[in-house]
Amino acid sequence: MTKEQLKRLRERFTPGTRVELVRMDDIQAPPPGIRGTVRGVDDIGSIMVSWDNGSGLSVVYGEDECREVKDDD
């Protein structure tokens, strides 16, 4: 990941942004469709999320997928 890609990711997924999980390749992954709140983006581009079910697994850039949502979506 380039510095520019990381910058754009951090601008898009600011702390407090609500997201919905599309897919995650992890045996302990929360179910697709679950929502959560972004805590930040780490130095390798993983989106750190507090999922509504209590999970704290990060969305790995290039492997997993989430999308930004509004609470009324």
PDB file of N, CA and C in Angstrom:
ATOM      1  N   MET A   1       0.847  -1.171   0.000  1.00  0.00           N
ATOM      2  CA  MET A   1       0.000   0.000   0.000  1.00  0.00           C
ATOM      3  C   MET A   1       0.893   1.234   0.000  1.00  0.00           C
ATOM      4  N   THR A   2       0.573   2.162  -0.883  1.00  0.00           N
ATOM      5  CA  THR A   2       1.350   3.398  -0.947  1.00  0.00           C
ATOM      6  C   THR A   2       0.872   4.379   0.121  1.00  0.00           C
ATOM      7  N   LYS A   3       1.679   5.386   0.386  1.00  0.00           N
ATOM      8  CA  LYS A   3       1.290   6.418   1.352  1.00  0.00           C
ATOM      9  C   LYS A   3       0.028   7.139   0.885  1.00  0.00           C
ATOM     10  N   GLU A   4      -0.094   7.337  -0.419  1.00  0.00           N
ATOM     11  CA  GLU A   4      -1.276   8.015  -0.962  1.00  0.00           C
ATOM     12  C   GLU A   4      -2.535   7.159  -0.778  1.00  0.00           C
ATOM     13  N   GLN A   5      -2.440   5.851  -1.018  1.00  0.00           N
ATOM     14  CA  GLN A   5      -3.578   4.954  -0.810  1.00  0.00           C
ATOM     15  C   GLN A   5      -3.996   4.964   0.657  1.00  0.00           C
ATOM     16  N   LEU A   6      -3.017   4.914   1.555  1.00  0.00           N
ATOM     17  CA  LEU A   6      -3.301   4.930   2.987  1.00  0.00           C
ATOM     18  C   LEU A   6      -3.977   6.240   3.382  1.00  0.00           C
ATOM     19  N   LYS A   7      -3.506   7.338   2.829  1.00  0.00           N
ATOM     20  CA  LYS A   7      -4.106   8.647   3.111  1.00  0.00           C
ATOM     21  C   LYS A   7      -5.569   8.677   2.674  1.00  0.00           C
ATOM     22  N   ARG A   8      -5.851   8.192   1.466  1.00  0.00           N
ATOM     23  CA  ARG A   8      -7.232   8.172   0.960  1.00  0.00           C
ATOM     24  C   ARG A   8      -8.128   7.278   1.804  1.00  0.00           C
ATOM     25  N   LEU A   9      -7.595   6.129   2.225  1.00  0.00           N
ATOM     26  CA  LEU A   9      -8.365   5.210   3.059  1.00  0.00           C
ATOM     27  C   LEU A   9      -8.710   5.866   4.396  1.00  0.00           C
ATOM     28  N   ARG A  10      -7.749   6.558   4.984  1.00  0.00           N
ATOM     29  CA  ARG A  10      -7.988   7.242   6.257  1.00  0.00           C
ATOM     30  C   ARG A  10      -8.965   8.404   6.109  1.00  0.00           C
ATOM     31  N   GLU A  11      -8.960   9.051   4.964  1.00  0.00           N
ATOM     32  CA  GLU A  11      -9.924  10.127   4.718  1.00  0.00           C
ATOM     33  C   GLU A  11     -11.329   9.572   4.539  1.00  0.00           C
ATOM     34  N   ARG A  12     -11.437   8.408   3.944  1.00  0.00           N
ATOM     35  CA  ARG A  12     -12.743   7.789   3.682  1.00  0.00           C
ATOM     36  C   ARG A  12     -13.333   7.161   4.934  1.00  0.00           C
ATOM     37  N   PHE A  13     -12.504   6.477   5.729  1.00  0.00           N
ATOM     38  CA  PHE A  13     -12.976   5.757   6.909  1.00  0.00           C
ATOM     39  C   PHE A  13     -12.464   6.429   8.182  1.00  0.00           C
ATOM     40  N   THR A  14     -13.004   7.594   8.464  1.00  0.00           N
ATOM     41  CA  THR A  14     -12.619   8.334   9.661  1.00  0.00           C
ATOM     42  C   THR A  14     -13.284   7.700  10.881  1.00  0.00           C
ATOM     43  N   PRO A  15     -12.684   7.887  12.063  1.00  0.00           N
ATOM     44  CA  PRO A  15     -13.310   7.358  13.279  1.00  0.00           C
ATOM     45  C   PRO A  15     -14.754   7.849  13.407  1.00  0.00           C
ATOM     46  N   GLY A  16     -15.636   6.913  13.754  1.00  0.00           N
ATOM     47  CA  GLY A  16     -17.053   7.225  13.888  1.00  0.00           C
ATOM     48  C   GLY A  16     -17.883   6.871  12.667  1.00  0.00           C
ATOM     49  N   THR A  17     -17.224   6.599  11.526  1.00  0.00           N
ATOM     50  CA  THR A  17     -17.942   6.210  10.307  1.00  0.00           C
ATOM     51  C   THR A  17     -18.631   4.870  10.537  1.00  0.00           C
ATOM     52  N   ARG A  18     -19.874   4.765  10.126  1.00  0.00           N
ATOM     53  CA  ARG A  18     -20.616   3.509  10.224  1.00  0.00           C
ATOM     54  C   ARG A  18     -20.372   2.694   8.955  1.00  0.00           C
ATOM     55  N   VAL A  19     -20.098   1.404   9.134  1.00  0.00           N
ATOM     56  CA  VAL A  19     -19.838   0.513   8.012  1.00  0.00           C
ATOM     57  C   VAL A  19     -20.660  -0.757   8.151  1.00  0.00           C
ATOM     58  N   GLU A  20     -20.794  -1.447   7.017  1.00  0.00           N
ATOM     59  CA  GLU A  20     -21.464  -2.743   6.972  1.00  0.00           C
ATOM     60  C   GLU A  20     -20.496  -3.735   6.350  1.00  0.00           C
ATOM     61  N   LEU A  21     -20.366  -4.892   6.962  1.00  0.00           N
ATOM     62  CA  LEU A  21     -19.463  -5.917   6.451  1.00  0.00           C
ATOM     63  C   LEU A  21     -20.054  -6.569   5.201  1.00  0.00           C
ATOM     64  N   VAL A  22     -19.264  -6.611   4.133  1.00  0.00           N
ATOM     65  CA  VAL A  22     -19.660  -7.284   2.898  1.00  0.00           C
ATOM     66  C   VAL A  22     -19.111  -8.709   2.913  1.00  0.00           C
ATOM     67  N   ARG A  23     -17.802  -8.829   3.190  1.00  0.00           N
ATOM     68  CA  ARG A  23     -17.194 -10.157   3.290  1.00  0.00           C
ATOM     69  C   ARG A  23     -15.920 -10.064   4.105  1.00  0.00           C
ATOM     70  N   MET A  24     -15.607 -11.153   4.814  1.00  0.00           N
ATOM     71  CA  MET A  24     -14.383 -11.228   5.595  1.00  0.00           C
ATOM     72  C   MET A  24     -13.906 -12.668   5.582  1.00  0.00           C
ATOM     73  N   ASP A  25     -12.654 -12.874   5.211  1.00  0.00           N
ATOM     74  CA  ASP A  25     -12.076 -14.213   5.116  1.00  0.00           C
ATOM     75  C   ASP A  25     -11.394 -14.565   6.432  1.00  0.00           C
ATOM     76  N   ASP A  26     -12.204 -14.905   7.428  1.00  0.00           N
ATOM     77  CA  ASP A  26     -11.695 -15.268   8.747  1.00  0.00           C
ATOM     78  C   ASP A  26     -12.719 -16.193   9.389  1.00  0.00           C
ATOM     79  N   ILE A  27     -12.258 -17.265   9.977  1.00  0.00           N
ATOM     80  CA  ILE A  27     -13.167 -18.233  10.590  1.00  0.00           C
ATOM     81  C   ILE A  27     -13.973 -17.612  11.731  1.00  0.00           C
ATOM     82  N   GLN A  28     -13.440 -16.580  12.377  1.00  0.00           N
ATOM     83  CA  GLN A  28     -14.133 -15.924  13.482  1.00  0.00           C
ATOM     84  C   GLN A  28     -14.830 -14.635  13.043  1.00  0.00           C
ATOM     85  N   ALA A  29     -14.982 -14.455  11.742  1.00  0.00           N
ATOM     86  CA  ALA A  29     -15.575 -13.231  11.207  1.00  0.00           C
ATOM     87  C   ALA A  29     -17.024 -13.070  11.647  1.00  0.00           C
ATOM     88  N   PRO A  30     -17.410 -11.828  11.905  1.00  0.00           N
ATOM     89  CA  PRO A  30     -18.837 -11.590  12.133  1.00  0.00           C
ATOM     90  C   PRO A  30     -19.598 -11.853  10.834  1.00  0.00           C
ATOM     91  N   PRO A  31     -20.902 -12.043  10.901  1.00  0.00           N
ATOM     92  CA  PRO A  31     -21.665 -12.378   9.694  1.00  0.00           C
ATOM     93  C   PRO A  31     -21.762 -11.203   8.724  1.00  0.00           C
ATOM     94  N   PRO A  32     -21.782 -11.487   7.415  1.00  0.00           N
ATOM     95  CA  PRO A  32     -21.985 -10.418   6.433  1.00  0.00           C
ATOM     96  C   PRO A  32     -23.282  -9.667   6.754  1.00  0.00           C
ATOM     97  N   GLY A  33     -23.251  -8.374   6.548  1.00  0.00           N
ATOM     98  CA  GLY A  33     -24.420  -7.540   6.812  1.00  0.00           C
ATOM     99  C   GLY A  33     -24.382  -6.868   8.172  1.00  0.00           C
ATOM    100  N   ILE A  34     -23.509  -7.349   9.073  1.00  0.00           N
ATOM    101  CA  ILE A  34     -23.414  -6.716  10.382  1.00  0.00           C
ATOM    102  C   ILE A  34     -22.814  -5.320  10.230  1.00  0.00           C
ATOM    103  N   ARG A  35     -23.219  -4.449  11.109  1.00  0.00           N
ATOM    104  CA  ARG A  35     -22.720  -3.075  11.073  1.00  0.00           C
ATOM    105  C   ARG A  35     -21.799  -2.813  12.249  1.00  0.00           C
ATOM    106  N   GLY A  36     -20.983  -1.792  12.070  1.00  0.00           N
ATOM    107  CA  GLY A  36     -20.060  -1.419  13.123  1.00  0.00           C
ATOM    108  C   GLY A  36     -19.594   0.010  12.950  1.00  0.00           C
ATOM    109  N   THR A  37     -18.752   0.448  13.886  1.00  0.00           N
ATOM    110  CA  THR A  37     -18.240   1.816  13.888  1.00  0.00           C
ATOM    111  C   THR A  37     -16.725   1.781  13.756  1.00  0.00           C
ATOM    112  N   VAL A  38     -16.220   2.552  12.806  1.00  0.00           N
ATOM    113  CA  VAL A  38     -14.778   2.617  12.564  1.00  0.00           C
ATOM    114  C   VAL A  38     -14.086   3.296  13.739  1.00  0.00           C
ATOM    115  N   ARG A  39     -12.995   2.664  14.200  1.00  0.00           N
ATOM    116  CA  ARG A  39     -12.146   3.248  15.240  1.00  0.00           C
ATOM    117  C   ARG A  39     -10.950   3.951  14.629  1.00  0.00           C
ATOM    118  N   GLY A  40     -10.584   3.548  13.412  1.00  0.00           N
ATOM    119  CA  GLY A  40      -9.448   4.152  12.726  1.00  0.00           C
ATOM    120  C   GLY A  40      -8.902   3.213  11.672  1.00  0.00           C
ATOM    121  N   VAL A  41      -7.830   3.642  11.028  1.00  0.00           N
ATOM    122  CA  VAL A  41      -7.138   2.830  10.022  1.00  0.00           C
ATOM    123  C   VAL A  41      -5.688   2.717  10.472  1.00  0.00           C
ATOM    124  N   ASP A  42      -5.170   1.486  10.576  1.00  0.00           N
ATOM    125  CA  ASP A  42      -3.798   1.316  11.045  1.00  0.00           C
ATOM    126  C   ASP A  42      -2.791   1.573   9.925  1.00  0.00           C
ATOM    127  N   ASP A  43      -1.513   1.415  10.233  1.00  0.00           N
ATOM    128  CA  ASP A  43      -0.443   1.764   9.297  1.00  0.00           C
ATOM    129  C   ASP A  43      -0.334   0.842   8.086  1.00  0.00           C
ATOM    130  N   ILE A  44      -0.989  -0.319   8.111  1.00  0.00           N
ATOM    131  CA  ILE A  44      -0.968  -1.204   6.941  1.00  0.00           C
ATOM    132  C   ILE A  44      -2.295  -1.162   6.181  1.00  0.00           C
ATOM    133  N   GLY A  45      -3.191  -0.271   6.599  1.00  0.00           N
ATOM    134  CA  GLY A  45      -4.443  -0.086   5.876  1.00  0.00           C
ATOM    135  C   GLY A  45      -5.604  -0.920   6.357  1.00  0.00           C
ATOM    136  N   SER A  46      -5.455  -1.619   7.470  1.00  0.00           N
ATOM    137  CA  SER A  46      -6.590  -2.364   8.026  1.00  0.00           C
ATOM    138  C   SER A  46      -7.542  -1.388   8.703  1.00  0.00           C
ATOM    139  N   ILE A  47      -8.828  -1.554   8.433  1.00  0.00           N
ATOM    140  CA  ILE A  47      -9.849  -0.694   9.025  1.00  0.00           C
ATOM    141  C   ILE A  47     -10.262  -1.316  10.351  1.00  0.00           C
ATOM    142  N   MET A  48      -9.981  -0.616  11.425  1.00  0.00           N
ATOM    143  CA  MET A  48     -10.292  -1.117  12.761  1.00  0.00           C
ATOM    144  C   MET A  48     -11.742  -0.760  13.078  1.00  0.00           C
ATOM    145  N   VAL A  49     -12.558  -1.788  13.350  1.00  0.00           N
ATOM    146  CA  VAL A  49     -13.999  -1.603  13.519  1.00  0.00           C
ATOM    147  C   VAL A  49     -14.457  -2.220  14.839  1.00  0.00           C
ATOM    148  N   SER A  50     -15.318  -1.518  15.526  1.00  0.00           N
ATOM    149  CA  SER A  50     -16.044  -2.086  16.665  1.00  0.00           C
ATOM    150  C   SER A  50     -17.392  -2.532  16.121  1.00  0.00           C
ATOM    151  N   TRP A  51     -17.535  -3.834  15.915  1.00  0.00           N
ATOM    152  CA  TRP A  51     -18.773  -4.376  15.353  1.00  0.00           C
ATOM    153  C   TRP A  51     -19.866  -4.355  16.401  1.00  0.00           C
ATOM    154  N   ASP A  52     -21.105  -4.216  15.955  1.00  0.00           N
ATOM    155  CA  ASP A  52     -22.251  -4.107  16.863  1.00  0.00           C
ATOM    156  C   ASP A  52     -22.462  -5.353  17.728  1.00  0.00           C
ATOM    157  N   ASN A  53     -21.871  -6.492  17.339  1.00  0.00           N
ATOM    158  CA  ASN A  53     -22.016  -7.710  18.136  1.00  0.00           C
ATOM    159  C   ASN A  53     -20.888  -7.862  19.158  1.00  0.00           C
ATOM    160  N   GLY A  54     -20.013  -6.854  19.260  1.00  0.00           N
ATOM    161  CA  GLY A  54     -18.930  -6.890  20.238  1.00  0.00           C
ATOM    162  C   GLY A  54     -17.587  -7.321  19.667  1.00  0.00           C
ATOM    163  N   SER A  55     -17.566  -7.830  18.456  1.00  0.00           N
ATOM    164  CA  SER A  55     -16.317  -8.244  17.821  1.00  0.00           C
ATOM    165  C   SER A  55     -15.463  -7.017  17.496  1.00  0.00           C
ATOM    166  N   GLY A  56     -14.161  -7.232  17.443  1.00  0.00           N
ATOM    167  CA  GLY A  56     -13.255  -6.137  17.116  1.00  0.00           C
ATOM    168  C   GLY A  56     -12.329  -6.476  15.973  1.00  0.00           C
ATOM    169  N   LEU A  57     -12.685  -7.482  15.162  1.00  0.00           N
ATOM    170  CA  LEU A  57     -11.818  -7.864  14.048  1.00  0.00           C
ATOM    171  C   LEU A  57     -11.739  -6.740  13.020  1.00  0.00           C
ATOM    172  N   SER A  58     -10.517  -6.486  12.542  1.00  0.00           N
ATOM    173  CA  SER A  58     -10.297  -5.444  11.546  1.00  0.00           C
ATOM    174  C   SER A  58     -10.606  -5.954  10.145  1.00  0.00           C
ATOM    175  N   VAL A  59     -10.983  -5.043   9.272  1.00  0.00           N
ATOM    176  CA  VAL A  59     -11.215  -5.333   7.860  1.00  0.00           C
ATOM    177  C   VAL A  59      -9.865  -5.167   7.161  1.00  0.00           C
ATOM    178  N   VAL A  60      -9.314  -6.262   6.633  1.00  0.00           N
ATOM    179  CA  VAL A  60      -7.991  -6.256   6.026  1.00  0.00           C
ATOM    180  C   VAL A  60      -8.077  -5.727   4.600  1.00  0.00           C
ATOM    181  N   TYR A  61      -7.306  -4.689   4.327  1.00  0.00           N
ATOM    182  CA  TYR A  61      -7.298  -4.070   2.997  1.00  0.00           C
ATOM    183  C   TYR A  61      -6.896  -5.098   1.939  1.00  0.00           C
ATOM    184  N   GLY A  62      -7.683  -5.183   0.872  1.00  0.00           N
ATOM    185  CA  GLY A  62      -7.390  -6.088  -0.233  1.00  0.00           C
ATOM    186  C   GLY A  62      -7.864  -7.517  -0.033  1.00  0.00           C
ATOM    187  N   GLU A  63      -8.284  -7.858   1.174  1.00  0.00           N
ATOM    188  CA  GLU A  63      -8.763  -9.213   1.465  1.00  0.00           C
ATOM    189  C   GLU A  63     -10.239  -9.222   1.838  1.00  0.00           C
ATOM    190  N   ASP A  64     -10.610  -8.333   2.736  1.00  0.00           N
ATOM    191  CA  ASP A  64     -11.979  -8.234   3.226  1.00  0.00           C
ATOM    192  C   ASP A  64     -12.643  -7.015   2.596  1.00  0.00           C
ATOM    193  N   GLU A  65     -13.941  -6.877   2.831  1.00  0.00           N
ATOM    194  CA  GLU A  65     -14.650  -5.745   2.236  1.00  0.00           C
ATOM    195  C   GLU A  65     -15.758  -5.255   3.161  1.00  0.00           C
ATOM    196  N   CYS A  66     -15.826  -3.938   3.287  1.00  0.00           N
ATOM    197  CA  CYS A  66     -16.937  -3.305   3.996  1.00  0.00           C
ATOM    198  C   CYS A  66     -17.353  -2.087   3.187  1.00  0.00           C
ATOM    199  N   ARG A  67     -18.531  -1.578   3.514  1.00  0.00           N
ATOM    200  CA  ARG A  67     -19.004  -0.381   2.815  1.00  0.00           C
ATOM    201  C   ARG A  67     -19.542   0.607   3.842  1.00  0.00           C
ATOM    202  N   GLU A  68     -19.395   1.871   3.521  1.00  0.00           N
ATOM    203  CA  GLU A  68     -19.920   2.910   4.395  1.00  0.00           C
ATOM    204  C   GLU A  68     -21.436   2.927   4.320  1.00  0.00           C
ATOM    205  N   VAL A  69     -22.081   3.109   5.453  1.00  0.00           N
ATOM    206  CA  VAL A  69     -23.539   3.201   5.494  1.00  0.00           C
ATOM    207  C   VAL A  69     -23.956   4.365   6.382  1.00  0.00           C
ATOM    208  N   LYS A  70     -25.160   4.819   6.174  1.00  0.00           N
ATOM    209  CA  LYS A  70     -25.785   5.787   7.054  1.00  0.00           C
ATOM    210  C   LYS A  70     -26.687   4.976   7.968  1.00  0.00           C
ATOM    211  N   ASP A  71     -26.897   5.420   9.178  1.00  0.00           N
ATOM    212  CA  ASP A  71     -27.722   4.660  10.131  1.00  0.00           C
ATOM    213  C   ASP A  71     -29.150   4.418   9.654  1.00  0.00           C
ATOM    214  N   ASP A  72     -29.626   5.238   8.729  1.00  0.00           N
ATOM    215  CA  ASP A  72     -31.002   5.039   8.250  1.00  0.00           C
ATOM    216  C   ASP A  72     -31.056   4.206   6.964  1.00  0.00           C
ATOM    217  N   ASP A  73     -29.898   3.665   6.514  1.00  0.00           N
ATOM    218  CA  ASP A  73     -29.872   2.803   5.313  1.00  0.00           C
ATOM    219  C   ASP A  73     -30.528   1.468   5.606  1.00  0.00           C
TER     220      ASP A  73
END
